[in-house]
């Protein structure tokens, strides 16, 4: 049994970067994410 996870030493980030740090406050992606957060997706998710 392997107790260690493999690591990629070429990966530039320890953790995935946050899009909040990269996107301007008025970026369209923020608007789309806000709209999707308000949708009832229970039929798609199966809950």
N, C-alpha and C. Protein backbone atom coordinates (compact mmCIF):
# COMPACT_ATOMS: atom_id res chain seq x y z
N UNK A 1 0.84 -1.17 0.00
CA UNK A 1 0.00 0.00 0.00
C UNK A 1 0.90 1.24 0.00
N UNK A 2 0.55 2.20 -0.85
CA UNK A 2 1.32 3.43 -0.96
C UNK A 2 0.77 4.47 0.02
N UNK A 3 1.61 4.97 0.90
CA UNK A 3 1.18 5.95 1.90
C UNK A 3 1.51 7.38 1.51
N UNK A 4 2.19 7.57 0.40
CA UNK A 4 2.59 8.90 -0.02
C UNK A 4 1.95 9.23 -1.36
N UNK A 5 1.59 10.48 -1.51
CA UNK A 5 1.06 10.94 -2.79
C UNK A 5 2.22 11.39 -3.67
N UNK A 6 2.13 11.10 -4.96
CA UNK A 6 3.20 11.58 -5.84
C UNK A 6 3.13 13.10 -5.96
N UNK A 7 4.26 13.72 -6.18
CA UNK A 7 4.27 15.17 -6.35
C UNK A 7 4.93 15.50 -7.68
N UNK A 8 4.48 16.59 -8.24
CA UNK A 8 5.06 17.09 -9.48
C UNK A 8 5.87 18.33 -9.12
N UNK A 9 7.15 18.22 -9.16
CA UNK A 9 8.02 19.32 -8.74
C UNK A 9 8.03 20.47 -9.74
N UNK A 10 7.45 20.26 -10.90
CA UNK A 10 7.38 21.31 -11.91
C UNK A 10 6.13 22.17 -11.75
N UNK A 11 5.23 21.79 -10.86
CA UNK A 11 4.00 22.55 -10.65
C UNK A 11 4.32 23.88 -10.00
N UNK A 12 3.88 25.00 -10.61
CA UNK A 12 4.26 26.31 -10.07
C UNK A 12 3.49 26.71 -8.80
N UNK A 13 2.39 26.03 -8.46
CA UNK A 13 1.59 26.42 -7.30
C UNK A 13 1.43 25.24 -6.35
N UNK A 14 1.46 25.53 -5.06
CA UNK A 14 1.18 24.50 -4.08
C UNK A 14 -0.31 24.20 -4.05
N UNK A 15 -1.12 25.24 -4.11
CA UNK A 15 -2.58 25.12 -4.15
C UNK A 15 -3.08 25.76 -5.43
N UNK A 16 -4.25 25.36 -5.92
CA UNK A 16 -4.79 26.01 -7.12
C UNK A 16 -5.02 27.50 -6.83
N UNK A 17 -4.70 28.35 -7.78
CA UNK A 17 -4.90 29.78 -7.56
C UNK A 17 -6.38 30.13 -7.50
N UNK A 18 -6.69 31.15 -6.78
CA UNK A 18 -8.07 31.62 -6.68
C UNK A 18 -8.36 32.55 -7.85
N UNK A 19 -9.49 32.32 -8.51
CA UNK A 19 -9.87 33.21 -9.61
C UNK A 19 -10.15 34.62 -9.10
N UNK A 20 -10.53 34.74 -7.83
CA UNK A 20 -10.76 36.07 -7.26
C UNK A 20 -9.50 36.92 -7.33
N UNK A 21 -8.35 36.30 -7.25
CA UNK A 21 -7.09 37.05 -7.33
C UNK A 21 -6.75 37.45 -8.76
N UNK A 22 -7.30 36.76 -9.74
CA UNK A 22 -6.91 36.98 -11.12
C UNK A 22 -7.92 37.78 -11.94
N UNK A 23 -9.20 37.72 -11.55
CA UNK A 23 -10.22 38.39 -12.35
C UNK A 23 -10.52 39.79 -11.80
N UNK A 24 -10.64 40.77 -12.68
CA UNK A 24 -11.06 42.09 -12.22
C UNK A 24 -12.47 42.03 -11.63
N UNK A 25 -12.80 42.98 -10.78
CA UNK A 25 -14.10 42.99 -10.09
C UNK A 25 -15.27 43.04 -11.06
N UNK A 26 -15.09 43.64 -12.23
CA UNK A 26 -16.20 43.80 -13.19
C UNK A 26 -16.13 42.79 -14.34
N UNK A 27 -15.39 41.70 -14.17
CA UNK A 27 -15.25 40.70 -15.23
C UNK A 27 -16.56 39.94 -15.43
N UNK A 28 -16.87 39.59 -16.68
CA UNK A 28 -18.09 38.88 -17.02
C UNK A 28 -18.19 37.53 -16.31
N UNK A 29 -17.08 36.87 -16.08
CA UNK A 29 -17.11 35.56 -15.41
C UNK A 29 -17.67 35.67 -14.00
N UNK A 30 -17.43 36.77 -13.32
CA UNK A 30 -18.00 36.96 -11.98
C UNK A 30 -19.52 37.08 -12.06
N UNK A 31 -20.01 37.78 -13.06
CA UNK A 31 -21.45 37.93 -13.25
C UNK A 31 -22.09 36.57 -13.54
N UNK A 32 -21.49 35.81 -14.43
CA UNK A 32 -22.02 34.48 -14.77
C UNK A 32 -22.02 33.58 -13.54
N UNK A 33 -20.96 33.60 -12.75
CA UNK A 33 -20.89 32.77 -11.55
C UNK A 33 -21.98 33.17 -10.55
N UNK A 34 -22.25 34.46 -10.42
CA UNK A 34 -23.32 34.91 -9.51
C UNK A 34 -24.68 34.42 -9.98
N UNK A 35 -24.94 34.46 -11.29
CA UNK A 35 -26.21 34.00 -11.83
C UNK A 35 -26.36 32.48 -11.62
N UNK A 36 -25.31 31.73 -11.89
CA UNK A 36 -25.36 30.27 -11.72
C UNK A 36 -25.60 29.92 -10.26
N UNK A 37 -25.01 30.68 -9.34
CA UNK A 37 -25.22 30.43 -7.91
C UNK A 37 -26.68 30.60 -7.51
N UNK A 38 -27.42 31.42 -8.24
CA UNK A 38 -28.82 31.67 -7.92
C UNK A 38 -29.77 30.66 -8.57
N UNK A 39 -29.28 29.86 -9.51
CA UNK A 39 -30.14 28.90 -10.21
C UNK A 39 -30.41 27.68 -9.34
N UNK A 40 -31.59 27.09 -9.55
CA UNK A 40 -31.93 25.85 -8.88
C UNK A 40 -31.43 24.71 -9.78
N UNK A 41 -30.33 24.12 -9.41
CA UNK A 41 -29.70 23.07 -10.23
C UNK A 41 -29.97 21.68 -9.67
N UNK A 42 -30.93 21.56 -8.78
CA UNK A 42 -31.18 20.27 -8.13
C UNK A 42 -31.58 19.17 -9.13
N UNK A 43 -32.28 19.53 -10.19
CA UNK A 43 -32.66 18.53 -11.18
C UNK A 43 -31.43 18.01 -11.94
N UNK A 44 -30.45 18.87 -12.15
CA UNK A 44 -29.23 18.46 -12.84
C UNK A 44 -28.30 17.67 -11.92
N UNK A 45 -28.27 18.06 -10.67
CA UNK A 45 -27.38 17.42 -9.72
C UNK A 45 -27.97 16.10 -9.22
N UNK A 46 -29.28 16.01 -9.21
CA UNK A 46 -29.95 14.79 -8.78
C UNK A 46 -30.28 14.76 -7.29
N UNK A 47 -30.43 15.91 -6.71
CA UNK A 47 -30.77 15.99 -5.29
C UNK A 47 -32.21 16.35 -5.10
